[in-house]
Amino acid sequence: MEKRKTIRDEATKKQILNHLSRVAGQIQGIKRMVEEDAYCIDLLSELSASEKSLESLSMKILENHLYNCVTNSLKEGKSEMIPEVIELIRKYKK
């Protein structure tokens, strides 16, 4: 099977990488909190913030996929991405 790629403009790529760096920083902070025996509620609050940050990034990437990849495929008369997107939405809904 051919490995598919998404070519992103530099601004989008930079935005995604910056967001991932922030999430990585949050995770490192949580790791440090565990090492320092932080209170459970404080850990859970930080974990929740990290989850929300990842969800936000996922939505940005999904929006980019819909506006670019799917739109371009449909313009080219290709509709095979539609079942893929439906399956992805089903996974997110669970």
N, C-alpha and C. Protein backbone atom coordinates (compact mmCIF):
# COMPACT_ATOMS: atom_id res chain seq x y z
N MET A 1 0.84 -1.18 0.00
CA MET A 1 0.00 0.00 0.00
C MET A 1 0.89 1.25 0.00
N GLU A 2 0.53 2.19 -0.80
CA GLU A 2 1.30 3.43 -0.93
C GLU A 2 1.12 4.29 0.33
N LYS A 3 2.23 4.80 0.83
CA LYS A 3 2.18 5.68 1.98
C LYS A 3 1.71 7.06 1.53
N ARG A 4 0.62 7.51 2.12
CA ARG A 4 0.06 8.80 1.75
C ARG A 4 0.71 9.91 2.57
N LYS A 5 0.72 11.11 2.01
CA LYS A 5 1.29 12.28 2.68
C LYS A 5 0.34 13.46 2.53
N THR A 6 0.47 14.38 3.46
CA THR A 6 -0.21 15.65 3.37
C THR A 6 0.86 16.73 3.33
N ILE A 7 0.88 17.49 2.28
CA ILE A 7 1.82 18.60 2.17
C ILE A 7 1.17 19.81 2.82
N ARG A 8 1.80 20.30 3.89
CA ARG A 8 1.27 21.45 4.61
C ARG A 8 2.14 22.66 4.32
N ASP A 9 1.51 23.83 4.28
CA ASP A 9 2.31 25.04 4.12
C ASP A 9 3.11 25.26 5.40
N GLU A 10 4.14 26.05 5.29
CA GLU A 10 5.06 26.25 6.42
C GLU A 10 4.37 26.84 7.65
N ALA A 11 3.42 27.75 7.43
CA ALA A 11 2.72 28.37 8.56
C ALA A 11 1.90 27.33 9.33
N THR A 12 1.20 26.46 8.59
CA THR A 12 0.39 25.41 9.23
C THR A 12 1.29 24.43 9.97
N LYS A 13 2.36 24.03 9.31
CA LYS A 13 3.30 23.08 9.93
C LYS A 13 3.88 23.68 11.21
N LYS A 14 4.25 24.96 11.17
CA LYS A 14 4.81 25.62 12.35
C LYS A 14 3.79 25.68 13.47
N GLN A 15 2.54 25.98 13.14
CA GLN A 15 1.48 26.06 14.13
C GLN A 15 1.28 24.69 14.81
N ILE A 16 1.25 23.63 14.03
CA ILE A 16 1.07 22.28 14.58
C ILE A 16 2.26 21.91 15.47
N LEU A 17 3.47 22.17 14.99
CA LEU A 17 4.66 21.83 15.77
C LEU A 17 4.73 22.63 17.07
N ASN A 18 4.34 23.90 17.04
CA ASN A 18 4.31 24.70 18.26
C ASN A 18 3.30 24.14 19.26
N HIS A 19 2.15 23.76 18.75
CA HIS A 19 1.12 23.19 19.62
C HIS A 19 1.63 21.89 20.24
N LEU A 20 2.26 21.05 19.44
CA LEU A 20 2.82 19.80 19.96
C LEU A 20 3.91 20.05 21.00
N SER A 21 4.70 21.08 20.81
CA SER A 21 5.73 21.43 21.79
C SER A 21 5.10 21.83 23.12
N ARG A 22 4.00 22.59 23.05
CA ARG A 22 3.30 22.97 24.28
C ARG A 22 2.76 21.74 25.00
N VAL A 23 2.17 20.80 24.25
CA VAL A 23 1.64 19.58 24.85
C VAL A 23 2.78 18.77 25.47
N ALA A 24 3.90 18.67 24.75
CA ALA A 24 5.06 17.95 25.29
C ALA A 24 5.53 18.59 26.59
N GLY A 25 5.52 19.90 26.65
CA GLY A 25 5.88 20.61 27.88
C GLY A 25 4.91 20.30 29.01
N GLN A 26 3.62 20.24 28.67
CA GLN A 26 2.62 19.90 29.68
C GLN A 26 2.88 18.49 30.22
N ILE A 27 3.16 17.55 29.34
CA ILE A 27 3.40 16.16 29.74
C ILE A 27 4.66 16.08 30.62
N GLN A 28 5.70 16.80 30.24
CA GLN A 28 6.91 16.81 31.07
C GLN A 28 6.61 17.39 32.45
N GLY A 29 5.77 18.41 32.49
CA GLY A 29 5.36 18.99 33.77
C GLY A 29 4.60 17.99 34.62
N ILE A 30 3.72 17.22 34.00
CA ILE A 30 2.96 16.19 34.71
C ILE A 30 3.90 15.12 35.24
N LYS A 31 4.86 14.72 34.42
CA LYS A 31 5.84 13.73 34.85
C LYS A 31 6.59 14.23 36.09
N ARG A 32 7.00 15.48 36.04
CA ARG A 32 7.70 16.09 37.17
C ARG A 32 6.81 16.11 38.42
N MET A 33 5.52 16.41 38.21
CA MET A 33 4.58 16.43 39.34
C MET A 33 4.49 15.06 39.99
N VAL A 34 4.47 14.00 39.18
CA VAL A 34 4.41 12.64 39.73
C VAL A 34 5.67 12.35 40.53
N GLU A 35 6.80 12.72 39.95
CA GLU A 35 8.08 12.51 40.64
C GLU A 35 8.13 13.25 41.98
N GLU A 36 7.45 14.38 42.05
CA GLU A 36 7.45 15.20 43.27
C GLU A 36 6.25 14.92 44.16
N ASP A 37 5.52 13.82 43.86
CA ASP A 37 4.37 13.40 44.67
C ASP A 37 3.28 14.46 44.76
N ALA A 38 2.97 15.09 43.65
CA ALA A 38 1.92 16.11 43.63
C ALA A 38 0.57 15.50 44.00
N TYR A 39 -0.28 16.32 44.51
CA TYR A 39 -1.63 15.93 44.92
C TYR A 39 -2.43 15.44 43.71
N CYS A 40 -3.21 14.39 43.91
CA CYS A 40 -3.95 13.75 42.81
C CYS A 40 -4.81 14.74 42.02
N ILE A 41 -5.52 15.59 42.71
CA ILE A 41 -6.41 16.55 42.04
C ILE A 41 -5.61 17.48 41.14
N ASP A 42 -4.44 17.89 41.60
CA ASP A 42 -3.58 18.75 40.78
C ASP A 42 -3.12 18.02 39.52
N LEU A 43 -2.76 16.74 39.67
CA LEU A 43 -2.37 15.93 38.51
C LEU A 43 -3.53 15.79 37.53
N LEU A 44 -4.70 15.49 38.07
CA LEU A 44 -5.87 15.32 37.21
C LEU A 44 -6.21 16.60 36.46
N SER A 45 -6.04 17.73 37.11
CA SER A 45 -6.29 19.01 36.45
C SER A 45 -5.33 19.22 35.28
N GLU A 46 -4.06 18.92 35.50
CA GLU A 46 -3.07 19.05 34.43
C GLU A 46 -3.31 18.05 33.30
N LEU A 47 -3.69 16.83 33.67
CA LEU A 47 -4.01 15.83 32.64
C LEU A 47 -5.20 16.28 31.80
N SER A 48 -6.20 16.84 32.45
CA SER A 48 -7.37 17.33 31.73
C SER A 48 -6.99 18.45 30.77
N ALA A 49 -6.14 19.35 31.21
CA ALA A 49 -5.69 20.45 30.34
C ALA A 49 -4.92 19.89 29.14
N SER A 50 -4.09 18.88 29.36
CA SER A 50 -3.34 18.27 28.26
C SER A 50 -4.27 17.59 27.27
N GLU A 51 -5.27 16.88 27.79
CA GLU A 51 -6.24 16.22 26.91
C GLU A 51 -6.98 17.25 26.05
N LYS A 52 -7.39 18.34 26.66
CA LYS A 52 -8.10 19.39 25.91
C LYS A 52 -7.20 20.00 24.85
N SER A 53 -5.94 20.17 25.17
CA SER A 53 -4.99 20.73 24.21
C SER A 53 -4.83 19.78 23.02
N LEU A 54 -4.72 18.48 23.27
CA LEU A 54 -4.61 17.51 22.19
C LEU A 54 -5.89 17.45 21.36
N GLU A 55 -7.05 17.54 22.03
CA GLU A 55 -8.33 17.55 21.31
C GLU A 55 -8.41 18.77 20.40
N SER A 56 -7.96 19.90 20.89
CA SER A 56 -7.96 21.13 20.10
C SER A 56 -7.07 20.97 18.86
N LEU A 57 -5.90 20.39 19.04
CA LEU A 57 -5.00 20.15 17.92
C LEU A 57 -5.62 19.17 16.93
N SER A 58 -6.25 18.13 17.43
CA SER A 58 -6.91 17.16 16.55
C SER A 58 -7.97 17.83 15.69
N MET A 59 -8.73 18.73 16.28
CA MET A 59 -9.77 19.42 15.52
C MET A 59 -9.16 20.32 14.45
N LYS A 60 -8.05 20.98 14.77
CA LYS A 60 -7.38 21.83 13.78
C LYS A 60 -6.89 21.00 12.60
N ILE A 61 -6.33 19.83 12.90
CA ILE A 61 -5.83 18.96 11.84
C ILE A 61 -7.00 18.40 11.03
N LEU A 62 -8.09 18.04 11.69
CA LEU A 62 -9.28 17.55 10.97
C LEU A 62 -9.83 18.65 10.06
N GLU A 63 -9.92 19.87 10.57
CA GLU A 63 -10.40 20.98 9.74
C GLU A 63 -9.52 21.16 8.51
N ASN A 64 -8.22 21.13 8.72
CA ASN A 64 -7.28 21.27 7.62
C ASN A 64 -7.48 20.14 6.60
N HIS A 65 -7.69 18.95 7.09
CA HIS A 65 -7.92 17.79 6.22
C HIS A 65 -9.18 17.99 5.37
N LEU A 66 -10.24 18.44 6.02
CA LEU A 66 -11.50 18.63 5.30
C LEU A 66 -11.39 19.76 4.27
N TYR A 67 -10.81 20.88 4.70
CA TYR A 67 -10.71 22.03 3.80
C TYR A 67 -9.73 21.83 2.66
N ASN A 68 -8.71 21.01 2.88
CA ASN A 68 -7.69 20.85 1.86
C ASN A 68 -7.74 19.48 1.18
N CYS A 69 -7.40 18.45 1.91
CA CYS A 69 -7.29 17.11 1.31
C CYS A 69 -8.61 16.63 0.71
N VAL A 70 -9.67 16.67 1.51
CA VAL A 70 -10.96 16.16 1.03
C VAL A 70 -11.51 17.04 -0.08
N THR A 71 -11.45 18.36 0.11
CA THR A 71 -11.95 19.28 -0.91
C THR A 71 -11.23 19.09 -2.23
N ASN A 72 -9.90 18.97 -2.19
CA ASN A 72 -9.13 18.78 -3.42
C ASN A 72 -9.48 17.46 -4.09
N SER A 73 -9.66 16.40 -3.31
CA SER A 73 -10.03 15.11 -3.89
C SER A 73 -11.40 15.18 -4.57
N LEU A 74 -12.34 15.85 -3.91
CA LEU A 74 -13.67 15.97 -4.50
C LEU A 74 -13.63 16.79 -5.79
N LYS A 75 -12.81 17.83 -5.82
CA LYS A 75 -12.67 18.64 -7.03
C LYS A 75 -12.10 17.81 -8.18
N GLU A 76 -11.27 16.82 -7.82
CA GLU A 76 -10.68 15.93 -8.84
C GLU A 76 -11.59 14.77 -9.19
N GLY A 77 -12.80 14.75 -8.60
CA GLY A 77 -13.76 13.69 -8.89
C GLY A 77 -13.53 12.41 -8.10
N LYS A 78 -12.70 12.48 -7.09
CA LYS A 78 -12.40 11.31 -6.25
C LYS A 78 -13.21 11.41 -4.96
N SER A 79 -13.98 10.38 -4.67
CA SER A 79 -14.81 10.41 -3.46
C SER A 79 -14.40 9.35 -2.44
N GLU A 80 -13.28 8.67 -2.66
CA GLU A 80 -12.89 7.59 -1.75
C GLU A 80 -12.51 8.08 -0.35
N MET A 81 -12.29 9.38 -0.19
CA MET A 81 -11.96 9.90 1.14
C MET A 81 -13.18 10.02 2.04
N ILE A 82 -14.35 10.04 1.47
CA ILE A 82 -15.56 10.22 2.27
C ILE A 82 -15.74 9.10 3.29
N PRO A 83 -15.64 7.82 2.91
CA PRO A 83 -15.76 6.76 3.93
C PRO A 83 -14.67 6.86 5.01
N GLU A 84 -13.49 7.29 4.61
CA GLU A 84 -12.39 7.46 5.56
C GLU A 84 -12.75 8.53 6.61
N VAL A 85 -13.31 9.63 6.16
CA VAL A 85 -13.69 10.70 7.08
C VAL A 85 -14.85 10.26 7.97
N ILE A 86 -15.80 9.55 7.41
CA ILE A 86 -16.92 9.05 8.21
C ILE A 86 -16.41 8.12 9.31
N GLU A 87 -15.50 7.23 8.98
CA GLU A 87 -14.93 6.32 9.98
C GLU A 87 -14.18 7.10 11.05
N LEU A 88 -13.45 8.12 10.66
CA LEU A 88 -12.73 8.94 11.62
C LEU A 88 -13.69 9.62 12.58
N ILE A 89 -14.77 10.16 12.07
CA ILE A 89 -15.78 10.83 12.91
C ILE A 89 -16.40 9.82 13.87
N ARG A 90 -16.65 8.61 13.40
CA ARG A 90 -17.19 7.57 14.27
C ARG A 90 -16.22 7.26 15.42
N LYS A 91 -14.94 7.21 15.13
CA LYS A 91 -13.94 6.95 16.18
C LYS A 91 -13.94 8.08 17.21
N TYR A 92 -14.05 9.33 16.75
CA TYR A 92 -14.04 10.46 17.66
C TYR A 92 -15.30 10.51 18.51
N LYS A 93 -16.39 10.01 17.98
CA LYS A 93 -17.67 10.07 18.68
C LYS A 93 -17.71 9.10 19.86
N LYS A 94 -16.91 8.04 19.78
CA LYS A 94 -16.91 7.02 20.85
C LYS A 94 -16.38 7.54 22.14
